[in-house]
Amino acid sequence: MDQLPIFVNVRGRKVILVGEGDAADAKRRLIERAGGISVDADDKEAVLAFVAVEDEIEALAGAAELKARGLLVNVVDRPEHCDFTTPALVDRAPVLVAIGTGGASAGMAKAIRQRIETLLPENLGMLAKSVSNARDAIRAQWPQAADRRRALDQAFAAGGSLDPFKSHSASAIDTWLDTGDADQPSRLVEISLLSGNADDLTLLTARLLGEADHIFHDAHVPAAILNRARADAVRHEGAPQAPVPEGLVLYLRLLESG
C-alpha cells in the first residue's frame, strides 16, 4: 500500500483552492459537496489545500509555499508532487466507496467506480443510517463485542438479513433484531492454499479471511494473503493447539509445489 487511505471531515472548515478554470471548478465542487468552505491562499485557518494551476512553475511554487506552512497539498494533475490524492467516489451517504490509483490513472479509477455503481443499491445509505440508529439496541442484544461483531458479520454476509448488496426496506434492521440470523457456532476451518498468489484465492477463502477472529498460518504463507484478513484478526504462526479460541478460526497451509 503506497498511501494511507483516510476520510477527512472538512464540514464547516476552510480549504484553500488556488487556480481558475475547469480543474479548479471541479475541486471547488468537491470541497463544497463535502461541506467545506473554499478560501484563497492567504487564509490562515485552512486545513488542506488544492493547487489547480496550469503553469507548472507557478503551480509548484504555490504548492511549496503552502507546504512550508504545514498544509497537506494536492497539486492537480501532478501526482508526484501531491501529499494526498482525491479518489473516484461511489456516494451512498453515509457510505462512501473511494477508488484511488495513487494518481496513476484517473480514467482507471473512473471505470472501476462506474462498475461498482451498478453493484450497490441506491438505498444502501438508508440501511447504514438504520444500523447506526440501532446501535444501542444492537449492544443490548449482544453485550459482548465479539458476539456483536459476529452477529453483524453474519447479517452483512451474502444472503444475510442485511446484505448490503441487496435492496432493503426501512424496517429491515427491526426485522433482523426481532428474528435474528441463526447463531453461527465457533468453528475451525482449515484451508489448503494451492498458491502463494493472493489473486488465486477463492471467493470463499477471501470471505472467510474477512470474517475470521483468529488466523493460524504456516510460516511460509505470504503476507499478501494474510493482509486480506481483517486488521483486528489475531494472527498466530503455526498450527492451532487445543483449546482452540472461540469464534471463526482459520488455519492456512500453503501446499508444497510439485
Protein backbone atom coordinates (compact mmCIF):
# COMPACT_ATOMS: atom_id res chain seq x y z
CA MET A 1 0.00 0.00 0.00
CA ASP A 2 1.62 3.25 -1.16
CA GLN A 3 -0.81 5.66 0.54
CA LEU A 4 -2.78 5.85 3.78
CA PRO A 5 -6.48 5.82 2.81
CA ILE A 6 -8.45 8.12 5.12
CA PHE A 7 -11.67 10.12 5.02
CA VAL A 8 -11.22 13.71 6.21
CA ASN A 9 -14.11 15.66 7.74
CA VAL A 10 -13.98 19.19 6.28
CA ARG A 11 -17.60 20.13 7.00
CA GLY A 12 -17.66 23.76 8.08
CA ARG A 13 -13.87 24.01 7.72
CA LYS A 14 -11.77 26.04 5.30
CA VAL A 15 -9.89 24.50 2.38
CA ILE A 16 -7.53 26.56 0.22
CA LEU A 17 -8.15 26.44 -3.52
CA VAL A 18 -5.61 28.12 -5.80
CA GLY A 19 -6.35 28.42 -9.51
CA GLU A 20 -9.10 29.04 -12.05
CA GLY A 21 -10.71 27.10 -14.84
CA ASP A 22 -12.32 23.68 -15.17
CA ALA A 23 -9.91 21.83 -12.89
CA ALA A 24 -10.31 24.40 -10.11
CA ASP A 25 -14.09 24.38 -10.54
CA ALA A 26 -14.13 20.59 -10.18
CA LYS A 27 -12.15 20.79 -6.91
CA ARG A 28 -14.43 23.57 -5.63
CA ARG A 29 -17.48 21.40 -6.24
CA LEU A 30 -15.78 18.52 -4.41
CA ILE A 31 -14.93 20.72 -1.41
CA GLU A 32 -18.45 22.14 -1.21
CA ARG A 33 -20.05 18.74 -1.70
CA ALA A 34 -18.16 17.59 1.41
CA GLY A 35 -19.40 20.65 3.33
CA GLY A 36 -16.09 22.52 3.19
CA ILE A 37 -15.52 26.22 2.51
CA SER A 38 -13.25 27.24 -0.37
CA VAL A 39 -10.85 30.06 0.53
CA ASP A 40 -7.80 31.67 -1.05
CA ALA A 41 -4.16 31.04 -0.20
CA ASP A 42 -3.96 33.86 2.35
CA ASP A 43 -6.37 32.19 4.77
CA LYS A 44 -4.55 31.02 7.91
CA GLU A 45 -7.33 28.74 9.20
CA ALA A 46 -7.33 26.29 6.30
CA VAL A 47 -6.70 22.58 6.95
CA LEU A 48 -5.93 21.41 3.39
CA ALA A 49 -5.02 22.95 0.07
CA PHE A 50 -5.59 22.31 -3.63
CA VAL A 51 -3.45 23.91 -6.32
CA ALA A 52 -5.15 23.80 -9.73
CA VAL A 53 -2.80 25.93 -11.83
CA GLU A 54 -1.88 25.01 -15.41
CA ASP A 55 1.59 26.59 -15.47
CA GLU A 56 3.91 24.07 -13.81
CA ILE A 57 6.42 26.55 -12.39
CA GLU A 58 3.65 28.63 -10.85
CA ALA A 59 1.85 25.53 -9.56
CA LEU A 60 4.93 24.07 -7.87
CA ALA A 61 5.92 27.40 -6.38
CA GLY A 62 2.46 27.86 -4.90
CA ALA A 63 2.44 24.31 -3.57
CA ALA A 64 5.87 24.74 -1.96
CA GLU A 65 4.72 27.88 -0.15
CA LEU A 66 1.64 26.12 1.20
CA LYS A 67 3.61 23.04 2.25
CA ALA A 68 6.06 25.28 4.11
CA ARG A 69 3.09 26.40 6.23
CA GLY A 70 2.48 22.78 7.23
CA LEU A 71 -0.51 22.17 4.96
CA LEU A 72 -1.12 18.96 3.04
CA VAL A 73 -1.39 19.92 -0.62
CA ASN A 74 -2.94 18.36 -3.71
CA VAL A 75 -1.34 19.62 -6.93
CA VAL A 76 -3.87 18.84 -9.65
CA ASP A 77 -2.57 16.58 -12.46
CA ARG A 78 0.87 16.33 -10.82
CA PRO A 79 0.62 13.27 -8.55
CA GLU A 80 4.35 13.16 -7.87
CA HIS A 81 4.01 16.49 -6.03
CA CYS A 82 0.82 15.62 -4.12
CA ASP A 83 0.68 14.99 -0.38
CA PHE A 84 -2.73 13.41 -0.97
CA THR A 85 -4.88 12.46 -3.94
CA THR A 86 -8.66 12.56 -4.36
CA PRO A 87 -10.27 9.24 -5.29
CA ALA A 88 -13.18 8.46 -7.55
CA LEU A 89 -16.25 8.17 -5.32
CA VAL A 90 -19.31 5.99 -5.13
CA ASP A 91 -21.60 8.04 -2.88
CA ARG A 92 -24.33 6.32 -0.89
CA ALA A 93 -24.01 8.66 2.07
CA PRO A 94 -23.05 7.89 4.74
CA VAL A 95 -21.45 5.01 2.81
CA LEU A 96 -18.58 6.15 0.60
CA VAL A 97 -16.54 3.88 -1.62
CA ALA A 98 -13.27 5.52 -2.67
CA ILE A 99 -11.20 4.22 -5.58
CA GLY A 100 -7.67 5.53 -5.81
CA THR A 101 -4.77 4.71 -8.10
CA GLY A 102 -2.19 6.93 -6.40
CA GLY A 103 -2.53 9.33 -9.31
CA ALA A 104 -1.56 6.65 -11.85
CA SER A 105 -4.79 6.90 -13.86
CA ALA A 106 -7.91 8.89 -13.13
CA GLY A 107 -9.54 7.11 -16.07
CA MET A 108 -8.98 3.72 -14.50
CA ALA A 109 -10.42 4.91 -11.18
CA LYS A 110 -13.46 6.23 -13.04
CA ALA A 111 -14.00 2.91 -14.85
CA ILE A 112 -13.83 0.98 -11.57
CA ARG A 113 -16.23 3.44 -9.94
CA GLN A 114 -18.75 3.03 -12.74
CA ARG A 115 -18.63 -0.75 -12.32
CA ILE A 116 -19.17 -0.55 -8.56
CA GLU A 117 -22.04 1.90 -9.06
CA THR A 118 -24.01 -0.88 -10.73
CA LEU A 119 -23.48 -3.25 -7.79
CA LEU A 120 -24.65 -1.11 -4.87
CA PRO A 121 -28.35 -0.35 -4.35
CA GLU A 122 -29.42 3.28 -4.14
CA ASN A 123 -30.87 2.83 -0.65
CA LEU A 124 -27.64 1.49 0.86
CA GLY A 125 -27.19 4.76 2.74
CA MET A 126 -30.59 4.33 4.37
CA LEU A 127 -29.57 0.87 5.60
CA ALA A 128 -26.33 2.27 7.06
CA LYS A 129 -28.23 5.02 8.89
CA SER A 130 -30.69 2.45 10.25
CA VAL A 131 -27.82 0.36 11.62
CA SER A 132 -26.29 3.46 13.19
CA ASN A 133 -29.60 4.46 14.80
CA ALA A 134 -30.00 0.94 16.18
CA ARG A 135 -26.54 0.89 17.79
CA ASP A 136 -27.92 0.88 21.35
CA ALA A 137 -30.39 -1.90 20.55
CA ILE A 138 -27.64 -3.98 18.95
CA ARG A 139 -25.42 -3.52 22.01
CA ALA A 140 -28.27 -4.54 24.28
CA GLN A 141 -28.94 -7.70 22.28
CA TRP A 142 -25.24 -8.65 22.05
CA PRO A 143 -23.43 -7.08 25.04
CA GLN A 144 -20.10 -8.76 24.23
CA ALA A 145 -18.15 -7.06 21.43
CA ALA A 146 -17.07 -10.37 19.85
CA ASP A 147 -20.66 -11.67 19.77
CA ARG A 148 -21.86 -8.36 18.35
CA ARG A 149 -19.28 -8.39 15.59
CA ARG A 150 -20.10 -11.98 14.63
CA ALA A 151 -23.82 -11.19 14.52
CA LEU A 152 -23.22 -8.21 12.26
CA ASP A 153 -20.79 -10.16 10.04
CA GLN A 154 -23.45 -12.80 9.60
CA ALA A 155 -26.17 -10.26 8.83
CA PHE A 156 -24.00 -8.41 6.28
CA ALA A 157 -22.76 -11.61 4.59
CA ALA A 158 -24.00 -12.56 1.12
CA GLY A 159 -27.63 -13.61 1.51
CA GLY A 160 -27.76 -12.37 5.12
CA SER A 161 -30.57 -10.34 6.62
CA LEU A 162 -28.74 -7.06 5.98
CA ASP A 163 -26.76 -7.99 2.85
CA PRO A 164 -25.57 -4.54 1.64
CA PHE A 165 -25.68 -5.63 -1.99
CA LYS A 166 -29.46 -6.11 -1.80
CA SER A 167 -32.19 -3.51 -1.53
CA HIS A 168 -33.89 -3.35 1.89
CA SER A 169 -36.97 -1.71 3.36
CA ALA A 170 -36.78 0.83 6.18
CA SER A 171 -37.85 -1.89 8.63
CA ALA A 172 -35.04 -4.33 7.74
CA ILE A 173 -33.00 -3.58 10.86
CA ASP A 174 -36.02 -4.04 13.15
CA THR A 175 -36.90 -7.32 11.47
CA TRP A 176 -33.32 -8.53 11.94
CA LEU A 177 -33.31 -7.57 15.62
CA ASP A 178 -36.65 -9.31 16.17
CA THR A 179 -35.84 -12.54 14.34
CA GLY A 180 -32.05 -12.53 14.01
CA ASP A 181 -29.92 -14.86 11.92
CA ALA A 182 -29.20 -18.27 13.33
CA ASP A 183 -26.20 -18.06 15.64
CA GLN A 184 -23.03 -19.33 13.99
CA PRO A 185 -21.15 -21.64 16.38
CA SER A 186 -17.41 -21.33 16.94
CA ARG A 187 -15.55 -23.35 14.34
CA LEU A 188 -12.11 -24.13 12.97
CA VAL A 189 -11.69 -24.10 9.19
CA GLU A 190 -8.51 -25.49 7.64
CA ILE A 191 -7.64 -24.06 4.23
CA SER A 192 -5.01 -25.57 1.96
CA LEU A 193 -3.65 -22.87 -0.33
CA LEU A 194 -2.56 -24.09 -3.75
CA SER A 195 -0.66 -20.87 -4.47
CA GLY A 196 1.05 -18.04 -2.63
CA ASN A 197 -0.56 -15.54 -5.01
CA ALA A 198 -3.36 -13.57 -3.31
CA ASP A 199 -5.14 -13.22 -6.66
CA ASP A 200 -5.62 -17.02 -6.70
CA LEU A 201 -7.74 -17.03 -3.51
CA THR A 202 -11.20 -18.49 -3.97
CA LEU A 203 -14.19 -16.28 -3.17
CA LEU A 204 -14.93 -18.48 -0.16
CA THR A 205 -11.40 -18.16 1.22
CA ALA A 206 -11.41 -14.39 0.69
CA ARG A 207 -14.73 -14.13 2.54
CA LEU A 208 -13.52 -16.28 5.43
CA LEU A 209 -10.36 -14.17 5.73
CA GLY A 210 -12.56 -11.11 6.04
CA GLU A 211 -14.64 -12.68 8.81
CA ALA A 212 -12.16 -14.72 10.88
CA ASP A 213 -11.46 -13.84 14.52
CA HIS A 214 -8.18 -15.80 14.66
CA ILE A 215 -5.84 -16.82 11.85
CA PHE A 216 -3.26 -19.55 12.34
CA HIS A 217 -0.79 -19.93 9.48
CA ASP A 218 2.35 -21.71 8.44
CA ALA A 219 5.47 -19.56 8.43
CA HIS A 220 5.71 -19.50 4.63
CA VAL A 221 2.18 -18.20 3.97
CA PRO A 222 2.87 -14.85 2.20
CA ALA A 223 2.00 -11.51 3.81
CA ALA A 224 -0.01 -10.64 0.68
CA ILE A 225 -2.52 -13.32 1.66
CA LEU A 226 -2.50 -12.55 5.39
CA ASN A 227 -3.18 -8.90 4.59
CA ARG A 228 -6.54 -9.92 3.14
CA ALA A 229 -7.69 -10.66 6.71
CA ARG A 230 -9.45 -8.21 8.99
CA ALA A 231 -6.97 -5.80 10.55
CA ASP A 232 -8.14 -6.75 14.04
CA ALA A 233 -7.99 -10.52 13.50
CA VAL A 234 -5.48 -12.17 15.84
CA ARG A 235 -2.66 -13.86 13.94
CA HIS A 236 -0.76 -16.91 15.16
CA GLU A 237 2.18 -18.52 13.42
CA GLY A 238 1.91 -22.29 13.49
CA ALA A 239 -0.91 -24.84 13.76
CA PRO A 240 -3.73 -24.30 16.28
CA GLN A 241 -3.48 -26.20 19.54
CA ALA A 242 -6.23 -27.14 21.96
CA PRO A 243 -8.09 -25.32 23.31
CA VAL A 244 -8.91 -23.52 20.05
CA PRO A 245 -10.05 -19.87 20.52
CA GLU A 246 -13.73 -19.05 20.25
CA GLY A 247 -15.25 -17.64 17.08
CA LEU A 248 -14.25 -18.31 13.49
CA VAL A 249 -10.71 -19.70 13.42
CA LEU A 250 -8.78 -20.29 10.18
CA TYR A 251 -5.69 -22.42 9.68
CA LEU A 252 -3.88 -21.56 6.45
CA ARG A 253 -1.49 -24.10 4.96
CA LEU A 254 0.47 -23.44 1.77
CA LEU A 255 0.85 -26.71 -0.10
CA GLU A 256 4.27 -27.55 -1.47
CA SER A 257 4.51 -27.05 -5.22
CA GLY A 258 5.43 -30.09 -7.31
